[in-house]
Amino acid sequence: MRMSNFVVRESIIPALQATTKEGVIREMVLSLHQAGYFRDNELEDIVRAVMRREQIGSTGIGRGIAIPHTRHSGVDRLVGTLAISPAGVPFEAIDGENVYVFVLLISPQDRPGDHLRALENVVRTMKDDNFVRALRQADSREATWNLIDSAQPPWER
């Protein structure tokens, strides 16, 4: 599984406006919604589900990266988006640093294997400091997509 298999190109946010954890999650979920991936009445429920997951423990994994995620009946397949915050957002990451790169994952309730494989893929891909640096420097949705699309999972290198 590659990030390009689940990141929705039209929902990539090259410059987040949000400055809070909930704001980031809301902006990213809204972006997926605007790309047509779930119904209007599911928007708030998905935001709440991601926030509930954050209450268990921050998905800020350190090094300026966070992977907020949830499983939800509003999607019929794994979907995700990627967003960049040029200024960084306090996200209660494990290293206490601001987060600049966010990858949101939403998967169906009945597909935990896909959810775990996607999380593993994102974590492994984000271990590449050069890739993360390039993402942070990308200045458009298209440039960000091209990086995601060309990224080889570590096990394919």
N, C-alpha and C. Protein backbone atom coordinates (compact mmCIF):
# COMPACT_ATOMS: atom_id res chain seq x y z
N MET A 1 0.84 -1.18 0.00
CA MET A 1 0.00 0.00 0.00
C MET A 1 0.88 1.24 0.00
N ARG A 2 0.55 2.17 -0.85
CA ARG A 2 1.28 3.44 -0.95
C ARG A 2 0.37 4.57 -0.50
N MET A 3 0.94 5.69 -0.08
CA MET A 3 0.12 6.83 0.34
C MET A 3 -0.80 7.29 -0.79
N SER A 4 -0.34 7.18 -2.02
CA SER A 4 -1.17 7.62 -3.15
C SER A 4 -2.40 6.74 -3.34
N ASN A 5 -2.44 5.57 -2.67
CA ASN A 5 -3.62 4.71 -2.74
C ASN A 5 -4.77 5.22 -1.89
N PHE A 6 -4.49 6.04 -0.89
CA PHE A 6 -5.57 6.50 -0.01
C PHE A 6 -5.65 8.00 0.18
N VAL A 7 -4.59 8.74 -0.12
CA VAL A 7 -4.67 10.20 -0.01
C VAL A 7 -5.49 10.71 -1.20
N VAL A 8 -6.50 11.51 -0.90
CA VAL A 8 -7.37 12.08 -1.93
C VAL A 8 -6.72 13.35 -2.46
N ARG A 9 -6.31 13.29 -3.71
CA ARG A 9 -5.57 14.40 -4.34
C ARG A 9 -6.28 15.74 -4.16
N GLU A 10 -7.59 15.77 -4.41
CA GLU A 10 -8.35 17.03 -4.37
C GLU A 10 -8.49 17.60 -2.96
N SER A 11 -8.17 16.81 -1.95
CA SER A 11 -8.37 17.27 -0.57
C SER A 11 -7.08 17.73 0.10
N ILE A 12 -5.96 17.61 -0.58
CA ILE A 12 -4.67 18.04 0.00
C ILE A 12 -4.72 19.53 0.31
N ILE A 13 -4.19 19.89 1.48
CA ILE A 13 -4.17 21.30 1.91
C ILE A 13 -2.71 21.74 2.03
N PRO A 14 -2.21 22.50 1.06
CA PRO A 14 -0.80 22.89 1.09
C PRO A 14 -0.46 23.96 2.11
N ALA A 15 -1.48 24.67 2.62
CA ALA A 15 -1.24 25.71 3.63
C ALA A 15 -2.45 25.80 4.56
N LEU A 16 -2.40 25.02 5.64
CA LEU A 16 -3.48 25.03 6.63
C LEU A 16 -3.68 26.42 7.20
N GLN A 17 -4.94 26.77 7.44
CA GLN A 17 -5.27 28.03 8.11
C GLN A 17 -5.40 27.84 9.62
N ALA A 18 -5.76 26.64 10.04
CA ALA A 18 -6.04 26.35 11.44
C ALA A 18 -4.80 26.51 12.32
N THR A 19 -5.05 26.90 13.57
CA THR A 19 -3.95 27.10 14.52
C THR A 19 -4.13 26.28 15.79
N THR A 20 -5.18 25.44 15.84
CA THR A 20 -5.43 24.59 17.00
C THR A 20 -5.61 23.15 16.53
N LYS A 21 -5.49 22.22 17.46
CA LYS A 21 -5.67 20.80 17.14
C LYS A 21 -7.04 20.56 16.52
N GLU A 22 -8.10 21.00 17.21
CA GLU A 22 -9.44 20.77 16.67
C GLU A 22 -9.63 21.48 15.33
N GLY A 23 -9.07 22.66 15.21
CA GLY A 23 -9.17 23.40 13.95
C GLY A 23 -8.53 22.66 12.79
N VAL A 24 -7.35 22.08 13.04
CA VAL A 24 -6.67 21.30 12.01
C VAL A 24 -7.53 20.12 11.60
N ILE A 25 -8.03 19.38 12.56
CA ILE A 25 -8.85 18.20 12.27
C ILE A 25 -10.10 18.61 11.50
N ARG A 26 -10.75 19.66 11.94
CA ARG A 26 -11.97 20.14 11.27
C ARG A 26 -11.67 20.56 9.83
N GLU A 27 -10.59 21.29 9.62
CA GLU A 27 -10.23 21.75 8.27
C GLU A 27 -9.92 20.56 7.35
N MET A 28 -9.24 19.55 7.88
CA MET A 28 -8.90 18.39 7.07
C MET A 28 -10.14 17.53 6.75
N VAL A 29 -11.00 17.32 7.75
CA VAL A 29 -12.23 16.55 7.52
C VAL A 29 -13.11 17.29 6.51
N LEU A 30 -13.21 18.60 6.65
CA LEU A 30 -14.00 19.40 5.71
C LEU A 30 -13.45 19.27 4.29
N SER A 31 -12.15 19.23 4.16
CA SER A 31 -11.52 19.09 2.85
C SER A 31 -11.92 17.76 2.19
N LEU A 32 -11.92 16.68 2.96
CA LEU A 32 -12.37 15.39 2.43
C LEU A 32 -13.86 15.43 2.08
N HIS A 33 -14.63 16.09 2.93
CA HIS A 33 -16.07 16.23 2.67
C HIS A 33 -16.31 16.99 1.36
N GLN A 34 -15.59 18.09 1.18
CA GLN A 34 -15.76 18.89 -0.03
C GLN A 34 -15.34 18.11 -1.28
N ALA A 35 -14.46 17.14 -1.11
CA ALA A 35 -14.06 16.29 -2.23
C ALA A 35 -15.08 15.17 -2.49
N GLY A 36 -16.14 15.13 -1.66
CA GLY A 36 -17.24 14.21 -1.90
C GLY A 36 -17.13 12.85 -1.23
N TYR A 37 -16.39 12.76 -0.12
CA TYR A 37 -16.15 11.45 0.47
C TYR A 37 -17.09 11.05 1.60
N PHE A 38 -17.96 11.94 2.05
CA PHE A 38 -19.03 11.55 2.98
C PHE A 38 -20.10 12.63 2.98
N ARG A 39 -21.24 12.30 3.56
CA ARG A 39 -22.41 13.18 3.52
C ARG A 39 -22.32 14.32 4.55
N ASP A 40 -23.11 15.38 4.28
CA ASP A 40 -23.14 16.55 5.16
C ASP A 40 -23.38 16.19 6.62
N ASN A 41 -24.34 15.29 6.84
CA ASN A 41 -24.72 14.97 8.21
C ASN A 41 -23.66 14.14 8.95
N GLU A 42 -22.62 13.71 8.27
CA GLU A 42 -21.56 12.92 8.92
C GLU A 42 -20.35 13.76 9.31
N LEU A 43 -20.28 14.97 8.81
CA LEU A 43 -19.11 15.83 9.02
C LEU A 43 -18.78 15.99 10.51
N GLU A 44 -19.73 16.45 11.30
CA GLU A 44 -19.47 16.70 12.73
C GLU A 44 -19.15 15.40 13.47
N ASP A 45 -19.83 14.32 13.11
CA ASP A 45 -19.59 13.05 13.78
C ASP A 45 -18.17 12.55 13.51
N ILE A 46 -17.68 12.75 12.31
CA ILE A 46 -16.31 12.33 11.98
C ILE A 46 -15.31 13.20 12.74
N VAL A 47 -15.54 14.49 12.80
CA VAL A 47 -14.66 15.38 13.58
C VAL A 47 -14.63 14.90 15.03
N ARG A 48 -15.80 14.61 15.61
CA ARG A 48 -15.86 14.13 17.00
C ARG A 48 -15.12 12.81 17.17
N ALA A 49 -15.25 11.92 16.20
CA ALA A 49 -14.57 10.62 16.29
C ALA A 49 -13.05 10.79 16.28
N VAL A 50 -12.54 11.67 15.45
CA VAL A 50 -11.09 11.92 15.41
C VAL A 50 -10.65 12.56 16.73
N MET A 51 -11.43 13.50 17.23
CA MET A 51 -11.09 14.15 18.50
C MET A 51 -11.13 13.16 19.66
N ARG A 52 -12.09 12.22 19.65
CA ARG A 52 -12.11 11.18 20.69
C ARG A 52 -10.83 10.36 20.65
N ARG A 53 -10.36 10.04 19.45
CA ARG A 53 -9.10 9.29 19.32
C ARG A 53 -7.95 10.11 19.89
N GLU A 54 -7.95 11.42 19.68
CA GLU A 54 -6.89 12.29 20.20
C GLU A 54 -6.91 12.33 21.73
N GLN A 55 -8.09 12.17 22.34
CA GLN A 55 -8.18 12.18 23.80
C GLN A 55 -7.50 10.95 24.40
N ILE A 56 -7.47 9.86 23.67
CA ILE A 56 -6.78 8.65 24.14
C ILE A 56 -5.29 8.90 24.22
N GLY A 57 -4.79 9.65 23.27
CA GLY A 57 -3.37 10.00 23.20
C GLY A 57 -3.13 10.72 21.89
N SER A 58 -2.28 11.73 21.94
CA SER A 58 -2.03 12.51 20.74
C SER A 58 -1.44 11.64 19.63
N THR A 59 -1.86 11.92 18.42
CA THR A 59 -1.30 11.22 17.25
C THR A 59 -0.12 12.00 16.68
N GLY A 60 0.34 13.00 17.44
CA GLY A 60 1.57 13.71 17.08
C GLY A 60 2.74 12.81 17.41
N ILE A 61 3.37 12.25 16.38
CA ILE A 61 4.40 11.23 16.58
C ILE A 61 5.80 11.80 16.75
N GLY A 62 5.91 13.14 16.71
CA GLY A 62 7.22 13.76 16.86
C GLY A 62 7.79 14.15 15.52
N ARG A 63 8.90 14.92 15.59
CA ARG A 63 9.58 15.38 14.38
C ARG A 63 8.69 16.22 13.47
N GLY A 64 7.66 16.88 14.07
CA GLY A 64 6.79 17.77 13.30
C GLY A 64 5.70 17.07 12.53
N ILE A 65 5.36 15.82 12.91
CA ILE A 65 4.40 15.01 12.15
C ILE A 65 3.27 14.53 13.07
N ALA A 66 2.04 14.52 12.54
CA ALA A 66 0.90 13.95 13.25
C ALA A 66 0.06 13.14 12.26
N ILE A 67 -0.53 12.07 12.77
CA ILE A 67 -1.36 11.19 11.94
C ILE A 67 -2.71 10.98 12.63
N PRO A 68 -3.55 12.03 12.66
CA PRO A 68 -4.88 11.84 13.25
C PRO A 68 -5.66 10.82 12.42
N HIS A 69 -6.44 9.99 13.10
CA HIS A 69 -7.15 8.93 12.38
C HIS A 69 -8.34 8.43 13.17
N THR A 70 -9.26 7.78 12.45
CA THR A 70 -10.39 7.12 13.07
C THR A 70 -10.99 6.13 12.09
N ARG A 71 -11.83 5.27 12.63
CA ARG A 71 -12.66 4.40 11.78
C ARG A 71 -14.08 4.93 11.90
N HIS A 72 -14.81 4.94 10.78
CA HIS A 72 -16.15 5.53 10.79
C HIS A 72 -17.01 4.90 9.71
N SER A 73 -18.27 4.71 10.03
CA SER A 73 -19.21 4.09 9.08
C SER A 73 -19.55 5.00 7.91
N GLY A 74 -19.17 6.26 7.97
CA GLY A 74 -19.47 7.21 6.89
C GLY A 74 -18.64 7.03 5.64
N VAL A 75 -17.59 6.21 5.71
CA VAL A 75 -16.78 5.96 4.52
C VAL A 75 -16.87 4.48 4.15
N ASP A 76 -16.80 4.21 2.86
CA ASP A 76 -16.87 2.82 2.43
C ASP A 76 -15.52 2.27 2.01
N ARG A 77 -14.51 3.14 2.04
CA ARG A 77 -13.14 2.69 1.80
C ARG A 77 -12.19 3.64 2.52
N LEU A 78 -10.97 3.21 2.71
CA LEU A 78 -9.97 4.03 3.36
C LEU A 78 -9.72 5.30 2.55
N VAL A 79 -9.82 6.46 3.21
CA VAL A 79 -9.52 7.73 2.57
C VAL A 79 -8.63 8.54 3.50
N GLY A 80 -7.88 9.45 2.92
CA GLY A 80 -7.02 10.29 3.73
C GLY A 80 -6.69 11.57 3.01
N THR A 81 -6.11 12.47 3.76
CA THR A 81 -5.62 13.70 3.17
C THR A 81 -4.34 14.10 3.90
N LEU A 82 -3.62 15.00 3.28
CA LEU A 82 -2.37 15.49 3.85
C LEU A 82 -2.46 17.01 3.89
N ALA A 83 -1.98 17.60 4.95
CA ALA A 83 -1.99 19.05 5.09
C ALA A 83 -0.67 19.52 5.69
N ILE A 84 -0.28 20.71 5.28
CA ILE A 84 0.96 21.32 5.76
C ILE A 84 0.62 22.62 6.48
N SER A 85 1.19 22.80 7.65
CA SER A 85 1.06 24.06 8.37
C SER A 85 2.42 24.75 8.34
N PRO A 86 2.55 25.81 7.54
CA PRO A 86 3.86 26.49 7.47
C PRO A 86 4.35 26.99 8.82
N ALA A 87 3.43 27.45 9.67
CA ALA A 87 3.81 28.00 10.98
C ALA A 87 3.90 26.95 12.07
N GLY A 88 3.29 25.79 11.85
CA GLY A 88 3.25 24.76 12.89
C GLY A 88 2.09 24.98 13.84
N VAL A 89 1.62 23.88 14.41
CA VAL A 89 0.47 23.92 15.31
C VAL A 89 0.80 23.12 16.57
N PRO A 90 0.52 23.68 17.76
CA PRO A 90 0.68 22.89 18.98
C PRO A 90 -0.32 21.72 18.93
N PHE A 91 0.18 20.50 19.01
CA PHE A 91 -0.68 19.33 18.82
C PHE A 91 -0.45 18.28 19.89
N GLU A 92 0.22 18.68 20.96
CA GLU A 92 0.53 17.75 22.06
C GLU A 92 1.32 16.54 21.56
N ALA A 93 2.23 16.77 20.63
CA ALA A 93 3.05 15.69 20.09
C ALA A 93 3.94 15.11 21.19
N ILE A 94 4.37 13.87 20.99
CA ILE A 94 5.15 13.19 22.03
C ILE A 94 6.46 13.89 22.35
N ASP A 95 7.00 14.67 21.39
CA ASP A 95 8.25 15.39 21.66
C ASP A 95 8.00 16.83 22.13
N GLY A 96 6.72 17.21 22.25
CA GLY A 96 6.38 18.55 22.73
C GLY A 96 6.53 19.65 21.69
N GLU A 97 6.96 19.30 20.49
CA GLU A 97 7.18 20.29 19.43
C GLU A 97 5.92 20.52 18.60
N ASN A 98 5.88 21.65 17.90
CA ASN A 98 4.76 21.91 16.99
C ASN A 98 4.75 20.90 15.85
N VAL A 99 3.58 20.75 15.23
CA VAL A 99 3.42 19.84 14.09
C VAL A 99 3.23 20.66 12.83
N TYR A 100 3.91 20.23 11.76
CA TYR A 100 3.87 20.91 10.47
C TYR A 100 3.23 20.04 9.37
N VAL A 101 3.36 18.73 9.49
CA VAL A 101 2.85 17.80 8.49
C VAL A 101 1.79 16.91 9.14
N PHE A 102 0.60 16.93 8.57
CA PHE A 102 -0.53 16.16 9.08
C PHE A 102 -1.03 15.19 8.02
N VAL A 103 -1.26 13.96 8.41
CA VAL A 103 -1.88 12.98 7.52
C VAL A 103 -3.10 12.44 8.27
N LEU A 104 -4.29 12.74 7.72
CA LEU A 104 -5.55 12.28 8.31
C LEU A 104 -6.00 11.02 7.59
N LEU A 105 -6.36 9.99 8.37
CA LEU A 105 -6.88 8.74 7.81
C LEU A 105 -8.27 8.47 8.39
N ILE A 106 -9.19 8.08 7.51
CA ILE A 106 -10.52 7.65 7.94
C ILE A 106 -10.80 6.35 7.19
N SER A 107 -11.10 5.31 7.95
CA SER A 107 -11.35 4.02 7.31
C SER A 107 -12.68 3.45 7.78
N PRO A 108 -13.24 2.53 7.00
CA PRO A 108 -14.51 1.91 7.41
C PRO A 108 -14.34 1.12 8.70
N GLN A 109 -15.43 0.99 9.44
CA GLN A 109 -15.41 0.25 10.70
C GLN A 109 -14.95 -1.19 10.51
N ASP A 110 -15.34 -1.78 9.40
CA ASP A 110 -15.12 -3.21 9.19
C ASP A 110 -13.82 -3.53 8.46
N ARG A 111 -12.89 -2.58 8.36
CA ARG A 111 -11.63 -2.81 7.65
C ARG A 111 -10.41 -2.45 8.50
N PRO A 112 -10.28 -3.04 9.69
CA PRO A 112 -9.15 -2.65 10.56
C PRO A 112 -7.79 -2.96 9.94
N GLY A 113 -7.71 -3.98 9.12
CA GLY A 113 -6.43 -4.32 8.49
C GLY A 113 -5.94 -3.20 7.58
N ASP A 114 -6.84 -2.65 6.77
CA ASP A 114 -6.48 -1.53 5.89
C ASP A 114 -6.02 -0.33 6.72
N HIS A 115 -6.73 -0.09 7.80
CA HIS A 115 -6.41 1.04 8.68
C HIS A 115 -4.99 0.90 9.23
N LEU A 116 -4.68 -0.27 9.74
CA LEU A 116 -3.34 -0.51 10.31
C LEU A 116 -2.25 -0.45 9.25
N ARG A 117 -2.50 -1.02 8.07
CA ARG A 117 -1.51 -0.96 6.99
C ARG A 117 -1.24 0.48 6.55
N ALA A 118 -2.31 1.29 6.48
CA ALA A 118 -2.13 2.70 6.10
C ALA A 118 -1.32 3.44 7.16
N LEU A 119 -1.64 3.23 8.43
CA LEU A 119 -0.86 3.86 9.50
C LEU A 119 0.61 3.47 9.41
N GLU A 120 0.85 2.18 9.21
CA GLU A 120 2.23 1.70 9.10
C GLU A 120 2.93 2.36 7.92
N ASN A 121 2.24 2.46 6.79
CA ASN A 121 2.84 3.07 5.61
C ASN A 121 3.19 4.53 5.87
N VAL A 122 2.29 5.27 6.49
CA VAL A 122 2.56 6.68 6.75
C VAL A 122 3.75 6.83 7.70
N VAL A 123 3.77 6.05 8.76
CA VAL A 123 4.87 6.13 9.73
C VAL A 123 6.20 5.82 9.04
N ARG A 124 6.24 4.76 8.28
CA ARG A 124 7.49 4.40 7.59
C ARG A 124 7.91 5.45 6.58
N THR A 125 6.97 5.96 5.80
CA THR A 125 7.29 6.97 4.79
C THR A 125 7.80 8.24 5.46
N MET A 126 7.20 8.62 6.58
CA MET A 126 7.58 9.86 7.26
C MET A 126 8.91 9.74 8.01
N LYS A 127 9.47 8.55 8.07
CA LYS A 127 10.81 8.40 8.67
C LYS A 127 11.89 8.99 7.76
N ASP A 128 11.55 9.21 6.50
CA ASP A 128 12.49 9.78 5.53
C ASP A 128 12.51 11.30 5.70
N ASP A 129 13.55 11.81 6.36
CA ASP A 129 13.64 13.25 6.63
C ASP A 129 13.63 14.08 5.36
N ASN A 130 14.24 13.57 4.29
CA ASN A 130 14.26 14.32 3.03
C ASN A 130 12.85 14.45 2.45
N PHE A 131 12.05 13.38 2.57
CA PHE A 131 10.67 13.41 2.09
C PHE A 131 9.86 14.43 2.89
N VAL A 132 9.99 14.41 4.21
CA VAL A 132 9.25 15.34 5.07
C VAL A 132 9.67 16.77 4.76
N ARG A 133 10.95 17.00 4.58
CA ARG A 133 11.45 18.34 4.26
C ARG A 133 10.86 18.82 2.93
N ALA A 134 10.82 17.91 1.94
CA ALA A 134 10.25 18.26 0.63
C ALA A 134 8.76 18.58 0.75
N LEU A 135 8.04 17.80 1.56
CA LEU A 135 6.61 18.10 1.77
C LEU A 135 6.44 19.50 2.34
N ARG A 136 7.25 19.83 3.32
CA ARG A 136 7.11 21.14 3.97
C ARG A 136 7.45 22.28 3.02
N GLN A 137 8.24 22.00 2.00
CA GLN A 137 8.62 23.04 1.05
C GLN A 137 7.69 23.10 -0.16
N ALA A 138 6.86 22.08 -0.34
CA ALA A 138 5.93 22.07 -1.47
C ALA A 138 4.98 23.26 -1.34
N ASP A 139 4.76 23.96 -2.43
CA ASP A 139 3.98 25.20 -2.35
C ASP A 139 2.62 25.12 -3.03
N SER A 140 2.20 23.91 -3.40
CA SER A 140 0.90 23.77 -4.04
C SER A 140 0.37 22.35 -3.82
N ARG A 141 -0.92 22.19 -4.07
CA ARG A 141 -1.54 20.88 -3.99
C ARG A 141 -0.87 19.92 -4.98
N GLU A 142 -0.61 20.43 -6.18
CA GLU A 142 0.00 19.60 -7.22
C GLU A 142 1.41 19.14 -6.83
N ALA A 143 2.20 20.06 -6.30
CA ALA A 143 3.56 19.70 -5.88
C ALA A 143 3.53 18.67 -4.76
N THR A 144 2.59 18.85 -3.82
CA THR A 144 2.46 17.89 -2.73
C THR A 144 2.03 16.53 -3.26
N TRP A 145 1.04 16.52 -4.17
CA TRP A 145 0.59 15.25 -4.75
C TRP A 145 1.74 14.55 -5.48
N ASN A 146 2.52 15.29 -6.24
CA ASN A 146 3.63 14.68 -6.99
C ASN A 146 4.62 14.00 -6.05
N LEU A 147 4.88 14.61 -4.90
CA LEU A 147 5.75 13.98 -3.90
C LEU A 147 5.13 12.69 -3.37
N ILE A 148 3.86 12.76 -3.02
CA ILE A 148 3.17 11.58 -2.48
C ILE A 148 3.14 10.47 -3.52
N ASP A 149 2.81 10.85 -4.75
CA ASP A 149 2.68 9.86 -5.82
C ASP A 149 4.01 9.19 -6.16
N SER A 150 5.10 9.92 -6.02
CA SER A 150 6.40 9.35 -6.37
C SER A 150 7.11 8.69 -5.19
N ALA A 151 6.56 8.86 -3.99
CA ALA A 151 7.20 8.29 -2.80
C ALA A 151 7.15 6.77 -2.86
N GLN A 152 8.30 6.18 -2.74
CA GLN A 152 8.37 4.72 -2.68
C GLN A 152 8.34 4.31 -1.22
N PRO A 153 7.49 3.36 -0.90
CA PRO A 153 7.54 2.84 0.47
C PRO A 153 8.95 2.28 0.76
N PRO A 154 9.41 2.41 1.99
CA PRO A 154 10.76 1.98 2.33
C PRO A 154 11.07 0.54 1.91
N TRP A 155 10.09 -0.34 1.94
CA TRP A 155 10.36 -1.73 1.58
C TRP A 155 10.52 -1.94 0.09
N GLU A 156 10.22 -0.91 -0.73
CA GLU A 156 10.40 -1.02 -2.18
C GLU A 156 11.72 -0.41 -2.63
N ARG A 157 12.43 0.23 -1.71
CA ARG A 157 13.67 0.90 -2.10
C ARG A 157 14.80 -0.08 -2.26
